[in-house]
Amino acid sequence: MNDSINYLEIGTRIRRQREQIGLTQEQLGEACDLSTSFVGHIERGSRKLSVESLFRIASVLGISADSLLFDRMEQETTLPPEIASFLKGSDPAKRSRFWRTVRILAGHIEEM
């Protein structure tokens, strides 16, 4: 069994999800308190990222750290049944739009 971490694959997954939800490297970096150049290095696999950075990136992208590390999505069973049934079997673009909307609403919850 190969126990080494493939940072290039992790970076590719980050870039794919970032682009899918319509964020630039700069926007992701700002949201995660990382420089744009460091985000670029992470996406190219030329720099290692800390566990803390991995979790911040996953949170901003609306996916689990597990999905970035191992290319697996979170189990929908951890979601409230109403949300899980809405997302069940949906395409990745719909899921990304859903989580992006949730993040936007969460960012403005105090204004509501």
PDB file of N, CA and C in Angstrom:
ATOM      1  N   MET A   1       0.838  -1.186   0.000  1.00  0.00           N
ATOM      2  CA  MET A   1       0.000   0.000   0.000  1.00  0.00           C
ATOM      3  C   MET A   1       0.879   1.243   0.000  1.00  0.00           C
ATOM      4  N   ASN A   2       0.535   2.213  -0.816  1.00  0.00           N
ATOM      5  CA  ASN A   2       1.290   3.456  -0.911  1.00  0.00           C
ATOM      6  C   ASN A   2       0.699   4.470   0.052  1.00  0.00           C
ATOM      7  N   ASP A   3       1.463   4.823   1.089  1.00  0.00           N
ATOM      8  CA  ASP A   3       0.976   5.737   2.114  1.00  0.00           C
ATOM      9  C   ASP A   3       1.357   7.189   1.857  1.00  0.00           C
ATOM     10  N   SER A   4       2.036   7.466   0.743  1.00  0.00           N
ATOM     11  CA  SER A   4       2.462   8.838   0.487  1.00  0.00           C
ATOM     12  C   SER A   4       1.270   9.690   0.040  1.00  0.00           C
ATOM     13  N   ILE A   5       1.340  10.941   0.367  1.00  0.00           N
ATOM     14  CA  ILE A   5       0.288  11.890   0.006  1.00  0.00           C
ATOM     15  C   ILE A   5       0.621  12.468  -1.357  1.00  0.00           C
ATOM     16  N   ASN A   6      -0.334  12.437  -2.255  1.00  0.00           N
ATOM     17  CA  ASN A   6      -0.136  12.974  -3.591  1.00  0.00           C
ATOM     18  C   ASN A   6      -0.677  14.412  -3.618  1.00  0.00           C
ATOM     19  N   TYR A   7       0.214  15.374  -3.429  1.00  0.00           N
ATOM     20  CA  TYR A   7      -0.191  16.775  -3.352  1.00  0.00           C
ATOM     21  C   TYR A   7      -0.682  17.306  -4.696  1.00  0.00           C
ATOM     22  N   LEU A   8      -0.196  16.724  -5.784  1.00  0.00           N
ATOM     23  CA  LEU A   8      -0.674  17.139  -7.100  1.00  0.00           C
ATOM     24  C   LEU A   8      -2.155  16.783  -7.260  1.00  0.00           C
ATOM     25  N   GLU A   9      -2.541  15.584  -6.841  1.00  0.00           N
ATOM     26  CA  GLU A   9      -3.949  15.191  -6.923  1.00  0.00           C
ATOM     27  C   GLU A   9      -4.827  16.054  -6.024  1.00  0.00           C
ATOM     28  N   ILE A  10      -4.345  16.349  -4.826  1.00  0.00           N
ATOM     29  CA  ILE A  10      -5.098  17.223  -3.919  1.00  0.00           C
ATOM     30  C   ILE A  10      -5.273  18.592  -4.565  1.00  0.00           C
ATOM     31  N   GLY A  11      -4.200  19.129  -5.119  1.00  0.00           N
ATOM     32  CA  GLY A  11      -4.263  20.434  -5.781  1.00  0.00           C
ATOM     33  C   GLY A  11      -5.222  20.438  -6.960  1.00  0.00           C
ATOM     34  N   THR A  12      -5.219  19.350  -7.709  1.00  0.00           N
ATOM     35  CA  THR A  12      -6.136  19.234  -8.853  1.00  0.00           C
ATOM     36  C   THR A  12      -7.582  19.235  -8.379  1.00  0.00           C
ATOM     37  N   ARG A  13      -7.861  18.521  -7.289  1.00  0.00           N
ATOM     38  CA  ARG A  13      -9.225  18.503  -6.742  1.00  0.00           C
ATOM     39  C   ARG A  13      -9.633  19.884  -6.237  1.00  0.00           C
ATOM     40  N   ILE A  14      -8.708  20.583  -5.606  1.00  0.00           N
ATOM     41  CA  ILE A  14      -8.997  21.939  -5.117  1.00  0.00           C
ATOM     42  C   ILE A  14      -9.315  22.845  -6.299  1.00  0.00           C
ATOM     43  N   ARG A  15      -8.471  22.823  -7.319  1.00  0.00           N
ATOM     44  CA  ARG A  15      -8.690  23.672  -8.491  1.00  0.00           C
ATOM     45  C   ARG A  15     -10.021  23.343  -9.167  1.00  0.00           C
ATOM     46  N   ARG A  16     -10.294  22.055  -9.334  1.00  0.00           N
ATOM     47  CA  ARG A  16     -11.542  21.634  -9.983  1.00  0.00           C
ATOM     48  C   ARG A  16     -12.769  22.159  -9.219  1.00  0.00           C
ATOM     49  N   GLN A  17     -12.757  22.028  -7.895  1.00  0.00           N
ATOM     50  CA  GLN A  17     -13.894  22.491  -7.094  1.00  0.00           C
ATOM     51  C   GLN A  17     -13.965  24.019  -7.075  1.00  0.00           C
ATOM     52  N   ARG A  18     -12.808  24.673  -6.984  1.00  0.00           N
ATOM     53  CA  ARG A  18     -12.776  26.144  -6.983  1.00  0.00           C
ATOM     54  C   ARG A  18     -13.378  26.683  -8.268  1.00  0.00           C
ATOM     55  N   GLU A  19     -12.960  26.128  -9.386  1.00  0.00           N
ATOM     56  CA  GLU A  19     -13.479  26.573 -10.682  1.00  0.00           C
ATOM     57  C   GLU A  19     -14.958  26.238 -10.835  1.00  0.00           C
ATOM     58  N   GLN A  20     -15.358  25.105 -10.302  1.00  0.00           N
ATOM     59  CA  GLN A  20     -16.753  24.685 -10.420  1.00  0.00           C
ATOM     60  C   GLN A  20     -17.697  25.642  -9.692  1.00  0.00           C
ATOM     61  N   ILE A  21     -17.240  26.213  -8.582  1.00  0.00           N
ATOM     62  CA  ILE A  21     -18.110  27.142  -7.862  1.00  0.00           C
ATOM     63  C   ILE A  21     -17.843  28.592  -8.236  1.00  0.00           C
ATOM     64  N   GLY A  22     -16.921  28.798  -9.160  1.00  0.00           N
ATOM     65  CA  GLY A  22     -16.711  30.132  -9.709  1.00  0.00           C
ATOM     66  C   GLY A  22     -15.834  31.059  -8.898  1.00  0.00           C
ATOM     67  N   LEU A  23     -14.895  30.508  -8.151  1.00  0.00           N
ATOM     68  CA  LEU A  23     -13.968  31.341  -7.388  1.00  0.00           C
ATOM     69  C   LEU A  23     -12.641  31.451  -8.119  1.00  0.00           C
ATOM     70  N   THR A  24     -11.999  32.596  -7.991  1.00  0.00           N
ATOM     71  CA  THR A  24     -10.642  32.753  -8.494  1.00  0.00           C
ATOM     72  C   THR A  24      -9.672  32.290  -7.412  1.00  0.00           C
ATOM     73  N   GLN A  25      -8.414  32.105  -7.783  1.00  0.00           N
ATOM     74  CA  GLN A  25      -7.400  31.772  -6.779  1.00  0.00           C
ATOM     75  C   GLN A  25      -7.313  32.888  -5.733  1.00  0.00           C
ATOM     76  N   GLU A  26      -7.425  34.115  -6.185  1.00  0.00           N
ATOM     77  CA  GLU A  26      -7.360  35.255  -5.265  1.00  0.00           C
ATOM     78  C   GLU A  26      -8.507  35.214  -4.261  1.00  0.00           C
ATOM     79  N   GLN A  27      -9.724  34.941  -4.729  1.00  0.00           N
ATOM     80  CA  GLN A  27     -10.880  34.889  -3.832  1.00  0.00           C
ATOM     81  C   GLN A  27     -10.742  33.740  -2.829  1.00  0.00           C
ATOM     82  N   LEU A  28     -10.278  32.591  -3.292  1.00  0.00           N
ATOM     83  CA  LEU A  28     -10.073  31.464  -2.382  1.00  0.00           C
ATOM     84  C   LEU A  28      -9.011  31.814  -1.356  1.00  0.00           C
ATOM     85  N   GLY A  29      -7.925  32.412  -1.813  1.00  0.00           N
ATOM     86  CA  GLY A  29      -6.859  32.803  -0.896  1.00  0.00           C
ATOM     87  C   GLY A  29      -7.335  33.787   0.161  1.00  0.00           C
ATOM     88  N   GLU A  30      -8.097  34.794  -0.257  1.00  0.00           N
ATOM     89  CA  GLU A  30      -8.617  35.778   0.697  1.00  0.00           C
ATOM     90  C   GLU A  30      -9.524  35.112   1.726  1.00  0.00           C
ATOM     91  N   ALA A  31     -10.387  34.217   1.278  1.00  0.00           N
ATOM     92  CA  ALA A  31     -11.324  33.557   2.175  1.00  0.00           C
ATOM     93  C   ALA A  31     -10.610  32.628   3.158  1.00  0.00           C
ATOM     94  N   CYS A  32      -9.442  32.114   2.764  1.00  0.00           N
ATOM     95  CA  CYS A  32      -8.701  31.165   3.598  1.00  0.00           C
ATOM     96  C   CYS A  32      -7.507  31.802   4.297  1.00  0.00           C
ATOM     97  N   ASP A  33      -7.303  33.097   4.102  1.00  0.00           N
ATOM     98  CA  ASP A  33      -6.159  33.813   4.659  1.00  0.00           C
ATOM     99  C   ASP A  33      -4.845  33.227   4.142  1.00  0.00           C
ATOM    100  N   LEU A  34      -4.817  32.976   2.823  1.00  0.00           N
ATOM    101  CA  LEU A  34      -3.627  32.478   2.138  1.00  0.00           C
ATOM    102  C   LEU A  34      -3.327  33.398   0.962  1.00  0.00           C
ATOM    103  N   SER A  35      -2.069  33.507   0.583  1.00  0.00           N
ATOM    104  CA  SER A  35      -1.733  34.338  -0.564  1.00  0.00           C
ATOM    105  C   SER A  35      -2.177  33.655  -1.852  1.00  0.00           C
ATOM    106  N   THR A  36      -2.432  34.460  -2.862  1.00  0.00           N
ATOM    107  CA  THR A  36      -2.821  33.931  -4.164  1.00  0.00           C
ATOM    108  C   THR A  36      -1.729  33.024  -4.720  1.00  0.00           C
ATOM    109  N   SER A  37      -0.479  33.422  -4.556  1.00  0.00           N
ATOM    110  CA  SER A  37       0.612  32.598  -5.086  1.00  0.00           C
ATOM    111  C   SER A  37       0.685  31.257  -4.361  1.00  0.00           C
ATOM    112  N   PHE A  38       0.411  31.237  -3.056  1.00  0.00           N
ATOM    113  CA  PHE A  38       0.431  29.974  -2.325  1.00  0.00           C
ATOM    114  C   PHE A  38      -0.703  29.063  -2.796  1.00  0.00           C
ATOM    115  N   VAL A  39      -1.876  29.631  -3.064  1.00  0.00           N
ATOM    116  CA  VAL A  39      -2.989  28.840  -3.601  1.00  0.00           C
ATOM    117  C   VAL A  39      -2.572  28.226  -4.936  1.00  0.00           C
ATOM    118  N   GLY A  40      -1.896  28.999  -5.770  1.00  0.00           N
ATOM    119  CA  GLY A  40      -1.415  28.479  -7.050  1.00  0.00           C
ATOM    120  C   GLY A  40      -0.438  27.327  -6.857  1.00  0.00           C
ATOM    121  N   HIS A  41       0.472  27.478  -5.895  1.00  0.00           N
ATOM    122  CA  HIS A  41       1.425  26.405  -5.601  1.00  0.00           C
ATOM    123  C   HIS A  41       0.702  25.157  -5.111  1.00  0.00           C
ATOM    124  N   ILE A  42      -0.302  25.337  -4.252  1.00  0.00           N
ATOM    125  CA  ILE A  42      -1.074  24.194  -3.748  1.00  0.00           C
ATOM    126  C   ILE A  42      -1.747  23.484  -4.914  1.00  0.00           C
ATOM    127  N   GLU A  43      -2.371  24.245  -5.800  1.00  0.00           N
ATOM    128  CA  GLU A  43      -3.086  23.646  -6.925  1.00  0.00           C
ATOM    129  C   GLU A  43      -2.154  22.921  -7.889  1.00  0.00           C
ATOM    130  N   ARG A  44      -0.917  23.381  -8.007  1.00  0.00           N
ATOM    131  CA  ARG A  44       0.058  22.716  -8.875  1.00  0.00           C
ATOM    132  C   ARG A  44       0.775  21.567  -8.164  1.00  0.00           C
ATOM    133  N   GLY A  45       0.542  21.439  -6.866  1.00  0.00           N
ATOM    134  CA  GLY A  45       1.189  20.386  -6.096  1.00  0.00           C
ATOM    135  C   GLY A  45       2.635  20.654  -5.793  1.00  0.00           C
ATOM    136  N   SER A  46       3.079  21.897  -5.969  1.00  0.00           N
ATOM    137  CA  SER A  46       4.489  22.223  -5.742  1.00  0.00           C
ATOM    138  C   SER A  46       4.774  22.657  -4.308  1.00  0.00           C
ATOM    139  N   ARG A  47       3.738  22.837  -3.512  1.00  0.00           N
ATOM    140  CA  ARG A  47       3.902  23.175  -2.087  1.00  0.00           C
ATOM    141  C   ARG A  47       2.946  22.324  -1.276  1.00  0.00           C
ATOM    142  N   LYS A  48       3.392  21.923  -0.103  1.00  0.00           N
ATOM    143  CA  LYS A  48       2.548  21.163   0.812  1.00  0.00           C
ATOM    144  C   LYS A  48       1.686  22.141   1.601  1.00  0.00           C
ATOM    145  N   LEU A  49       0.484  21.706   1.942  1.00  0.00           N
ATOM    146  CA  LEU A  49      -0.372  22.553   2.754  1.00  0.00           C
ATOM    147  C   LEU A  49      -0.573  21.907   4.110  1.00  0.00           C
ATOM    148  N   SER A  50      -0.791  22.752   5.111  1.00  0.00           N
ATOM    149  CA  SER A  50      -1.009  22.256   6.463  1.00  0.00           C
ATOM    150  C   SER A  50      -2.418  21.692   6.589  1.00  0.00           C
ATOM    151  N   VAL A  51      -2.635  20.936   7.638  1.00  0.00           N
ATOM    152  CA  VAL A  51      -3.968  20.408   7.914  1.00  0.00           C
ATOM    153  C   VAL A  51      -4.941  21.567   8.111  1.00  0.00           C
ATOM    154  N   GLU A  52      -4.500  22.593   8.793  1.00  0.00           N
ATOM    155  CA  GLU A  52      -5.354  23.767   9.023  1.00  0.00           C
ATOM    156  C   GLU A  52      -5.757  24.406   7.691  1.00  0.00           C
ATOM    157  N   SER A  53      -4.813  24.583   6.792  1.00  0.00           N
ATOM    158  CA  SER A  53      -5.129  25.163   5.479  1.00  0.00           C
ATOM    159  C   SER A  53      -6.056  24.257   4.684  1.00  0.00           C
ATOM    160  N   LEU A  54      -5.827  22.952   4.768  1.00  0.00           N
ATOM    161  CA  LEU A  54      -6.689  21.996   4.079  1.00  0.00           C
ATOM    162  C   LEU A  54      -8.139  22.144   4.559  1.00  0.00           C
ATOM    163  N   PHE A  55      -8.339  22.239   5.865  1.00  0.00           N
ATOM    164  CA  PHE A  55      -9.692  22.368   6.396  1.00  0.00           C
ATOM    165  C   PHE A  55     -10.317  23.710   6.048  1.00  0.00           C
ATOM    166  N   ARG A  56      -9.517  24.779   6.049  1.00  0.00           N
ATOM    167  CA  ARG A  56     -10.057  26.089   5.651  1.00  0.00           C
ATOM    168  C   ARG A  56     -10.489  26.072   4.195  1.00  0.00           C
ATOM    169  N   ILE A  57      -9.661  25.506   3.334  1.00  0.00           N
ATOM    170  CA  ILE A  57      -9.990  25.433   1.909  1.00  0.00           C
ATOM    171  C   ILE A  57     -11.242  24.588   1.697  1.00  0.00           C
ATOM    172  N   ALA A  58     -11.291  23.443   2.332  1.00  0.00           N
ATOM    173  CA  ALA A  58     -12.465  22.569   2.192  1.00  0.00           C
ATOM    174  C   ALA A  58     -13.729  23.292   2.640  1.00  0.00           C
ATOM    175  N   SER A  59     -13.641  24.022   3.738  1.00  0.00           N
ATOM    176  CA  SER A  59     -14.803  24.747   4.248  1.00  0.00           C
ATOM    177  C   SER A  59     -15.279  25.799   3.257  1.00  0.00           C
ATOM    178  N   VAL A  60     -14.366  26.571   2.710  1.00  0.00           N
ATOM    179  CA  VAL A  60     -14.727  27.605   1.738  1.00  0.00           C
ATOM    180  C   VAL A  60     -15.296  26.981   0.465  1.00  0.00           C
ATOM    181  N   LEU A  61     -14.753  25.840   0.063  1.00  0.00           N
ATOM    182  CA  LEU A  61     -15.226  25.181  -1.149  1.00  0.00           C
ATOM    183  C   LEU A  61     -16.524  24.401  -0.923  1.00  0.00           C
ATOM    184  N   GLY A  62     -16.916  24.248   0.343  1.00  0.00           N
ATOM    185  CA  GLY A  62     -18.164  23.566   0.657  1.00  0.00           C
ATOM    186  C   GLY A  62     -18.103  22.059   0.479  1.00  0.00           C
ATOM    187  N   ILE A  63     -16.921  21.480   0.678  1.00  0.00           N
ATOM    188  CA  ILE A  63     -16.754  20.032   0.566  1.00  0.00           C
ATOM    189  C   ILE A  63     -15.954  19.544   1.765  1.00  0.00           C
ATOM    190  N   SER A  64     -15.890  18.258   1.940  1.00  0.00           N
ATOM    191  CA  SER A  64     -15.144  17.695   3.063  1.00  0.00           C
ATOM    192  C   SER A  64     -13.656  17.627   2.730  1.00  0.00           C
ATOM    193  N   ALA A  65     -12.838  17.679   3.764  1.00  0.00           N
ATOM    194  CA  ALA A  65     -11.402  17.492   3.577  1.00  0.00           C
ATOM    195  C   ALA A  65     -11.141  16.099   3.023  1.00  0.00           C
ATOM    196  N   ASP A  66     -11.975  15.142   3.417  1.00  0.00           N
ATOM    197  CA  ASP A  66     -11.873  13.774   2.918  1.00  0.00           C
ATOM    198  C   ASP A  66     -11.984  13.734   1.398  1.00  0.00           C
ATOM    199  N   SER A  67     -12.890  14.542   0.850  1.00  0.00           N
ATOM    200  CA  SER A  67     -13.056  14.545  -0.605  1.00  0.00           C
ATOM    201  C   SER A  67     -11.843  15.140  -1.307  1.00  0.00           C
ATOM    202  N   LEU A  68     -11.155  16.068  -0.658  1.00  0.00           N
ATOM    203  CA  LEU A  68      -9.929  16.623  -1.242  1.00  0.00           C
ATOM    204  C   LEU A  68      -8.769  15.640  -1.129  1.00  0.00           C
ATOM    205  N   LEU A  69      -8.693  14.939  -0.017  1.00  0.00           N
ATOM    206  CA  LEU A  69      -7.602  13.996   0.192  1.00  0.00           C
ATOM    207  C   LEU A  69      -7.759  12.723  -0.621  1.00  0.00           C
ATOM    208  N   PHE A  70      -8.991  12.203  -0.670  1.00  0.00           N
ATOM    209  CA  PHE A  70      -9.205  10.875  -1.238  1.00  0.00           C
ATOM    210  C   PHE A  70     -10.198  10.852  -2.385  1.00  0.00           C
ATOM    211  N   ASP A  71     -10.652  11.995  -2.832  1.00  0.00           N
ATOM    212  CA  ASP A  71     -11.615  12.097  -3.925  1.00  0.00           C
ATOM    213  C   ASP A  71     -12.922  11.377  -3.594  1.00  0.00           C
ATOM    214  N   ARG A  72     -13.367  11.542  -2.335  1.00  0.00           N
ATOM    215  CA  ARG A  72     -14.646  10.998  -1.889  1.00  0.00           C
ATOM    216  C   ARG A  72     -15.465  12.134  -1.311  1.00  0.00           C
ATOM    217  N   MET A  73     -16.748  12.101  -1.586  1.00  0.00           N
ATOM    218  CA  MET A  73     -17.637  13.136  -1.076  1.00  0.00           C
ATOM    219  C   MET A  73     -18.183  12.721   0.280  1.00  0.00           C
ATOM    220  N   GLU A  74     -18.574  13.727   1.077  1.00  0.00           N
ATOM    221  CA  GLU A  74     -19.216  13.476   2.363  1.00  0.00           C
ATOM    222  C   GLU A  74     -20.464  12.639   2.187  1.00  0.00           C
ATOM    223  N   GLN A  75     -20.760  11.865   3.177  1.00  0.00           N
ATOM    224  CA  GLN A  75     -22.003  11.113   3.159  1.00  0.00           C
ATOM    225  C   GLN A  75     -23.160  12.074   3.379  1.00  0.00           C
ATOM    226  N   GLU A  76     -24.151  12.001   2.525  1.00  0.00           N
ATOM    227  CA  GLU A  76     -25.305  12.879   2.658  1.00  0.00           C
ATOM    228  C   GLU A  76     -26.147  12.540   3.868  1.00  0.00           C
ATOM    229  N   THR A  77     -25.924  11.392   4.483  1.00  0.00           N
ATOM    230  CA  THR A  77     -26.712  11.000   5.642  1.00  0.00           C
ATOM    231  C   THR A  77     -26.426  11.898   6.839  1.00  0.00           C
ATOM    232  N   THR A  78     -25.334  12.654   6.820  1.00  0.00           N
ATOM    233  CA  THR A  78     -25.036  13.548   7.927  1.00  0.00           C
ATOM    234  C   THR A  78     -25.838  14.846   7.820  1.00  0.00           C
ATOM    235  N   LEU A  79     -26.494  15.044   6.712  1.00  0.00           N
ATOM    236  CA  LEU A  79     -27.305  16.233   6.498  1.00  0.00           C
ATOM    237  C   LEU A  79     -28.720  16.001   7.002  1.00  0.00           C
ATOM    238  N   PRO A  80     -29.430  17.071   7.330  1.00  0.00           N
ATOM    239  CA  PRO A  80     -30.852  16.899   7.668  1.00  0.00           C
ATOM    240  C   PRO A  80     -31.565  16.200   6.513  1.00  0.00           C
ATOM    241  N   PRO A  81     -32.535  15.362   6.815  1.00  0.00           N
ATOM    242  CA  PRO A  81     -33.206  14.564   5.773  1.00  0.00           C
ATOM    243  C   PRO A  81     -33.756  15.387   4.618  1.00  0.00           C
ATOM    244  N   GLU A  82     -34.279  16.578   4.890  1.00  0.00           N
ATOM    245  CA  GLU A  82     -34.847  17.410   3.831  1.00  0.00           C
ATOM    246  C   GLU A  82     -33.771  17.820   2.822  1.00  0.00           C
ATOM    247  N   ILE A  83     -32.594  18.152   3.330  1.00  0.00           N
ATOM    248  CA  ILE A  83     -31.499  18.572   2.454  1.00  0.00           C
ATOM    249  C   ILE A  83     -30.913  17.366   1.733  1.00  0.00           C
ATOM    250  N   ALA A  84     -30.713  16.270   2.460  1.00  0.00           N
ATOM    251  CA  ALA A  84     -30.153  15.062   1.853  1.00  0.00           C
ATOM    252  C   ALA A  84     -31.022  14.578   0.699  1.00  0.00           C
ATOM    253  N   SER A  85     -32.348  14.609   0.878  1.00  0.00           N
ATOM    254  CA  SER A  85     -33.225  14.148  -0.194  1.00  0.00           C
ATOM    255  C   SER A  85     -33.188  15.099  -1.388  1.00  0.00           C
ATOM    256  N   PHE A  86     -33.018  16.380  -1.122  1.00  0.00           N
ATOM    257  CA  PHE A  86     -32.923  17.365  -2.203  1.00  0.00           C
ATOM    258  C   PHE A  86     -31.660  17.156  -3.028  1.00  0.00           C
ATOM    259  N   LEU A  87     -30.551  16.842  -2.364  1.00  0.00           N
ATOM    260  CA  LEU A  87     -29.263  16.700  -3.040  1.00  0.00           C
ATOM    261  C   LEU A  87     -28.992  15.301  -3.568  1.00  0.00           C
ATOM    262  N   LYS A  88     -29.726  14.330  -3.086  1.00  0.00           N
ATOM    263  CA  LYS A  88     -29.465  12.935  -3.464  1.00  0.00           C
ATOM    264  C   LYS A  88     -29.534  12.759  -4.979  1.00  0.00           C
ATOM    265  N   GLY A  89     -28.463  12.232  -5.517  1.00  0.00           N
ATOM    266  CA  GLY A  89     -28.405  11.946  -6.941  1.00  0.00           C
ATOM    267  C   GLY A  89     -28.239  13.168  -7.831  1.00  0.00           C
ATOM    268  N   SER A  90     -28.069  14.344  -7.246  1.00  0.00           N
ATOM    269  CA  SER A  90     -27.926  15.543  -8.072  1.00  0.00           C
ATOM    270  C   SER A  90     -26.510  15.621  -8.644  1.00  0.00           C
ATOM    271  N   ASP A  91     -26.395  16.349  -9.736  1.00  0.00           N
ATOM    272  CA  ASP A  91     -25.087  16.479 -10.370  1.00  0.00           C
ATOM    273  C   ASP A  91     -24.205  17.413  -9.540  1.00  0.00           C
ATOM    274  N   PRO A  92     -22.884  17.317  -9.684  1.00  0.00           N
ATOM    275  CA  PRO A  92     -21.960  18.127  -8.889  1.00  0.00           C
ATOM    276  C   PRO A  92     -22.192  19.629  -9.034  1.00  0.00           C
ATOM    277  N   ALA A  93     -22.602  20.090 -10.196  1.00  0.00           N
ATOM    278  CA  ALA A  93     -22.839  21.524 -10.385  1.00  0.00           C
ATOM    279  C   ALA A  93     -23.993  21.999  -9.505  1.00  0.00           C
ATOM    280  N   LYS A  94     -25.051  21.202  -9.427  1.00  0.00           N
ATOM    281  CA  LYS A  94     -26.191  21.571  -8.578  1.00  0.00           C
ATOM    282  C   LYS A  94     -25.773  21.585  -7.112  1.00  0.00           C
ATOM    283  N   ARG A  95     -24.984  20.591  -6.704  1.00  0.00           N
ATOM    284  CA  ARG A  95     -24.511  20.542  -5.318  1.00  0.00           C
ATOM    285  C   ARG A  95     -23.644  21.758  -5.008  1.00  0.00           C
ATOM    286  N   SER A  96     -22.773  22.131  -5.923  1.00  0.00           N
ATOM    287  CA  SER A  96     -21.897  23.289  -5.713  1.00  0.00           C
ATOM    288  C   SER A  96     -22.700  24.571  -5.608  1.00  0.00           C
ATOM    289  N   ARG A  97     -23.699  24.733  -6.476  1.00  0.00           N
ATOM    290  CA  ARG A  97     -24.554  25.924  -6.399  1.00  0.00           C
ATOM    291  C   ARG A  97     -25.293  25.973  -5.066  1.00  0.00           C
ATOM    292  N   PHE A  98     -25.769  24.821  -4.625  1.00  0.00           N
ATOM    293  CA  PHE A  98     -26.472  24.753  -3.347  1.00  0.00           C
ATOM    294  C   PHE A  98     -25.561  25.222  -2.209  1.00  0.00           C
ATOM    295  N   TRP A  99     -24.339  24.635  -2.109  1.00  0.00           N
ATOM    296  CA  TRP A  99     -23.434  24.982  -1.020  1.00  0.00           C
ATOM    297  C   TRP A  99     -22.941  26.428  -1.139  1.00  0.00           C
ATOM    298  N   ARG A 100     -22.783  26.905  -2.342  1.00  0.00           N
ATOM    299  CA  ARG A 100     -22.379  28.303  -2.536  1.00  0.00           C
ATOM    300  C   ARG A 100     -23.469  29.232  -2.020  1.00  0.00           C
ATOM    301  N   THR A 101     -24.726  28.904  -2.306  1.00  0.00           N
ATOM    302  CA  THR A 101     -25.854  29.691  -1.813  1.00  0.00           C
ATOM    303  C   THR A 101     -25.903  29.665  -0.292  1.00  0.00           C
ATOM    304  N   VAL A 102     -25.694  28.505   0.308  1.00  0.00           N
ATOM    305  CA  VAL A 102     -25.691  28.385   1.767  1.00  0.00           C
ATOM    306  C   VAL A 102     -24.599  29.269   2.372  1.00  0.00           C
ATOM    307  N   ARG A 103     -23.392  29.239   1.764  1.00  0.00           N
ATOM    308  CA  ARG A 103     -22.299  30.070   2.286  1.00  0.00           C
ATOM    309  C   ARG A 103     -22.627  31.554   2.176  1.00  0.00           C
ATOM    310  N   ILE A 104     -23.236  31.961   1.070  1.00  0.00           N
ATOM    311  CA  ILE A 104     -23.601  33.373   0.897  1.00  0.00           C
ATOM    312  C   ILE A 104     -24.625  33.774   1.946  1.00  0.00           C
ATOM    313  N   LEU A 105     -25.642  32.944   2.128  1.00  0.00           N
ATOM    314  CA  LEU A 105     -26.664  33.243   3.138  1.00  0.00           C
ATOM    315  C   LEU A 105     -26.059  33.281   4.548  1.00  0.00           C
ATOM    316  N   ALA A 106     -25.190  32.334   4.843  1.00  0.00           N
ATOM    317  CA  ALA A 106     -24.557  32.297   6.165  1.00  0.00           C
ATOM    318  C   ALA A 106     -23.736  33.562   6.407  1.00  0.00           C
ATOM    319  N   GLY A 107     -23.124  34.080   5.370  1.00  0.00           N
ATOM    320  CA  GLY A 107     -22.325  35.304   5.501  1.00  0.00           C
ATOM    321  C   GLY A 107     -23.158  36.531   5.761  1.00  0.00           C
ATOM    322  N   HIS A 108     -24.456  36.459   5.472  1.00  0.00           N
ATOM    323  CA  HIS A 108     -25.343  37.613   5.652  1.00  0.00           C
ATOM    324  C   HIS A 108     -26.462  37.347   6.658  1.00  0.00           C
ATOM    325  N   ILE A 109     -26.315  36.300   7.456  1.00  0.00           N
ATOM    326  CA  ILE A 109     -27.379  35.894   8.371  1.00  0.00           C
ATOM    327  C   ILE A 109     -27.744  36.992   9.371  1.00  0.00           C
ATOM    328  N   GLU A 110     -26.778  37.760   9.801  1.00  0.00           N
ATOM    329  CA  GLU A 110     -27.051  38.801  10.798  1.00  0.00           C
ATOM    330  C   GLU A 110     -27.787  39.989  10.193  1.00  0.00           C
ATOM    331  N   GLU A 111     -27.757  40.109   8.878  1.00  0.00           N
ATOM    332  CA  GLU A 111     -28.464  41.201   8.202  1.00  0.00           C
ATOM    333  C   GLU A 111     -29.935  40.860   7.968  1.00  0.00           C
ATOM    334  N   MET A 112     -30.287  39.607   8.161  1.00  0.00           N
ATOM    335  CA  MET A 112     -31.650  39.159   7.879  1.00  0.00           C
ATOM    336  C   MET A 112     -32.564  39.389   9.064  1.00  0.00           C
TER     337      MET A 112
END
